[in-house]
Amino acid sequence: MAAGNGASAQVTARIESLGANLLFISRGAGVNLTLKDAARLPQVTPLVKAAMPVINSGEPVIFGGQNLGGPIVGVDQL
């Protein structure tokens, strides 16, 4: 669990270092954004400087012979 907590703290610190001008939009409650939607966001509002898709998954992660399972997040720039 300690490895997971350390990784979580590291990710949190990196996100916080980006500043206060971030907005995360997650699908749910009837919202289902596409890659095309993400690409258009900077074109339709001057408040959005860039958009990038994120994929979240919860899969087992085996490292050093230990099953550390947890979230896996992948990001790609459009």
C-alpha atoms as a PDB file:
ATOM      1  CA  MET A   1       0.000   0.000   0.000  1.00  0.00           C
ATOM      2  CA  ALA A   2       2.903   2.360   0.698  1.00  0.00           C
ATOM      3  CA  ALA A   3       4.064   2.185  -2.937  1.00  0.00           C
ATOM      4  CA  GLY A   4       0.565   3.115  -4.076  1.00  0.00           C
ATOM      5  CA  ASN A   5       0.397   6.027  -1.654  1.00  0.00           C
ATOM      6  CA  GLY A   6       3.791   7.318  -2.806  1.00  0.00           C
ATOM      7  CA  ALA A   7       2.767   7.152  -6.453  1.00  0.00           C
ATOM      8  CA  SER A   8      -0.523   8.872  -5.660  1.00  0.00           C
ATOM      9  CA  ALA A   9       1.271  11.679  -3.833  1.00  0.00           C
ATOM     10  CA  GLN A  10       3.678  12.076  -6.749  1.00  0.00           C
ATOM     11  CA  VAL A  11       0.856  12.331  -9.286  1.00  0.00           C
ATOM     12  CA  THR A  12      -1.001  14.807  -7.071  1.00  0.00           C
ATOM     13  CA  ALA A  13       2.115  16.977  -6.756  1.00  0.00           C
ATOM     14  CA  ARG A  14       2.605  16.998 -10.535  1.00  0.00           C
ATOM     15  CA  ILE A  15      -0.995  18.011 -11.165  1.00  0.00           C
ATOM     16  CA  GLU A  16      -0.819  20.754  -8.536  1.00  0.00           C
ATOM     17  CA  SER A  17       2.370  22.100 -10.142  1.00  0.00           C
ATOM     18  CA  LEU A  18       0.449  22.707 -13.384  1.00  0.00           C
ATOM     19  CA  GLY A  19      -1.503  25.540 -11.783  1.00  0.00           C
ATOM     20  CA  ALA A  20      -5.108  26.403 -11.131  1.00  0.00           C
ATOM     21  CA  ASN A  21      -6.252  26.631 -14.738  1.00  0.00           C
ATOM     22  CA  LEU A  22      -7.079  22.961 -15.263  1.00  0.00           C
ATOM     23  CA  LEU A  23     -10.476  21.428 -15.850  1.00  0.00           C
ATOM     24  CA  PHE A  24     -11.105  17.697 -15.850  1.00  0.00           C
ATOM     25  CA  ILE A  25     -14.291  16.527 -17.549  1.00  0.00           C
ATOM     26  CA  SER A  26     -15.263  12.926 -16.962  1.00  0.00           C
ATOM     27  CA  ARG A  27     -17.922  10.993 -18.729  1.00  0.00           C
ATOM     28  CA  GLY A  28     -20.902   9.948 -16.720  1.00  0.00           C
ATOM     29  CA  ALA A  29     -24.415  11.139 -15.961  1.00  0.00           C
ATOM     30  CA  GLY A  30     -25.219  11.016 -19.669  1.00  0.00           C
ATOM     31  CA  VAL A  31     -22.005  12.787 -20.770  1.00  0.00           C
ATOM     32  CA  ASN A  32     -19.968  10.891 -23.348  1.00  0.00           C
ATOM     33  CA  LEU A  33     -17.297  13.040 -24.999  1.00  0.00           C
ATOM     34  CA  THR A  34     -15.454  11.887 -28.103  1.00  0.00           C
ATOM     35  CA  LEU A  35     -11.954  12.680 -29.396  1.00  0.00           C
ATOM     36  CA  LYS A  36     -13.616  15.006 -31.894  1.00  0.00           C
ATOM     37  CA  ASP A  37     -15.309  16.881 -29.004  1.00  0.00           C
ATOM     38  CA  ALA A  38     -11.976  17.269 -27.203  1.00  0.00           C
ATOM     39  CA  ALA A  39     -10.271  18.570 -30.353  1.00  0.00           C
ATOM     40  CA  ARG A  40     -13.003  21.180 -30.865  1.00  0.00           C
ATOM     41  CA  LEU A  41     -12.976  22.594 -27.323  1.00  0.00           C
ATOM     42  CA  PRO A  42     -10.111  25.057 -27.927  1.00  0.00           C
ATOM     43  CA  GLN A  43     -11.806  26.178 -31.154  1.00  0.00           C
ATOM     44  CA  VAL A  44     -15.192  26.947 -29.613  1.00  0.00           C
ATOM     45  CA  THR A  45     -14.139  28.743 -26.438  1.00  0.00           C
ATOM     46  CA  PRO A  46     -11.178  31.060 -25.830  1.00  0.00           C
ATOM     47  CA  LEU A  47     -10.996  29.860 -22.220  1.00  0.00           C
ATOM     48  CA  VAL A  48      -9.743  26.438 -23.330  1.00  0.00           C
ATOM     49  CA  LYS A  49      -6.122  26.599 -24.482  1.00  0.00           C
ATOM     50  CA  ALA A  50      -5.662  22.851 -24.996  1.00  0.00           C
ATOM     51  CA  ALA A  51      -7.523  19.605 -24.486  1.00  0.00           C
ATOM     52  CA  MET A  52      -6.284  16.057 -24.261  1.00  0.00           C
ATOM     53  CA  PRO A  53      -8.003  12.714 -23.860  1.00  0.00           C
ATOM     54  CA  VAL A  54      -7.425  10.587 -20.778  1.00  0.00           C
ATOM     55  CA  ILE A  55      -8.100   6.889 -20.340  1.00  0.00           C
ATOM     56  CA  ASN A  56      -8.614   5.431 -16.866  1.00  0.00           C
ATOM     57  CA  SER A  57      -8.516   1.753 -16.050  1.00  0.00           C
ATOM     58  CA  GLY A  58      -8.252  -0.363 -12.954  1.00  0.00           C
ATOM     59  CA  GLU A  59      -6.029  -3.336 -13.658  1.00  0.00           C
ATOM     60  CA  PRO A  60      -3.648  -5.484 -11.632  1.00  0.00           C
ATOM     61  CA  VAL A  61      -0.072  -4.196 -11.746  1.00  0.00           C
ATOM     62  CA  ILE A  62       2.681  -6.685 -10.937  1.00  0.00           C
ATOM     63  CA  PHE A  63       5.989  -5.142  -9.885  1.00  0.00           C
ATOM     64  CA  GLY A  64       8.843  -6.852  -8.096  1.00  0.00           C
ATOM     65  CA  GLY A  65       6.785 -10.004  -7.691  1.00  0.00           C
ATOM     66  CA  GLN A  66       4.006  -8.126  -5.916  1.00  0.00           C
ATOM     67  CA  ASN A  67       0.491  -7.547  -7.167  1.00  0.00           C
ATOM     68  CA  LEU A  68       0.011  -3.834  -6.511  1.00  0.00           C
ATOM     69  CA  GLY A  69      -3.262  -3.341  -8.431  1.00  0.00           C
ATOM     70  CA  GLY A  70      -4.613   0.139  -8.782  1.00  0.00           C
ATOM     71  CA  PRO A  71      -5.582   2.811 -11.245  1.00  0.00           C
ATOM     72  CA  ILE A  72      -3.824   3.138 -14.586  1.00  0.00           C
ATOM     73  CA  VAL A  73      -4.126   6.504 -16.325  1.00  0.00           C
ATOM     74  CA  GLY A  74      -3.023   7.205 -19.888  1.00  0.00           C
ATOM     75  CA  VAL A  75      -2.885  10.641 -21.516  1.00  0.00           C
ATOM     76  CA  ASP A  76      -2.301  11.617 -25.108  1.00  0.00           C
ATOM     77  CA  GLN A  77      -2.034  15.064 -26.638  1.00  0.00           C
ATOM     78  CA  LEU A  78      -4.327  15.815 -29.579  1.00  0.00           C
END
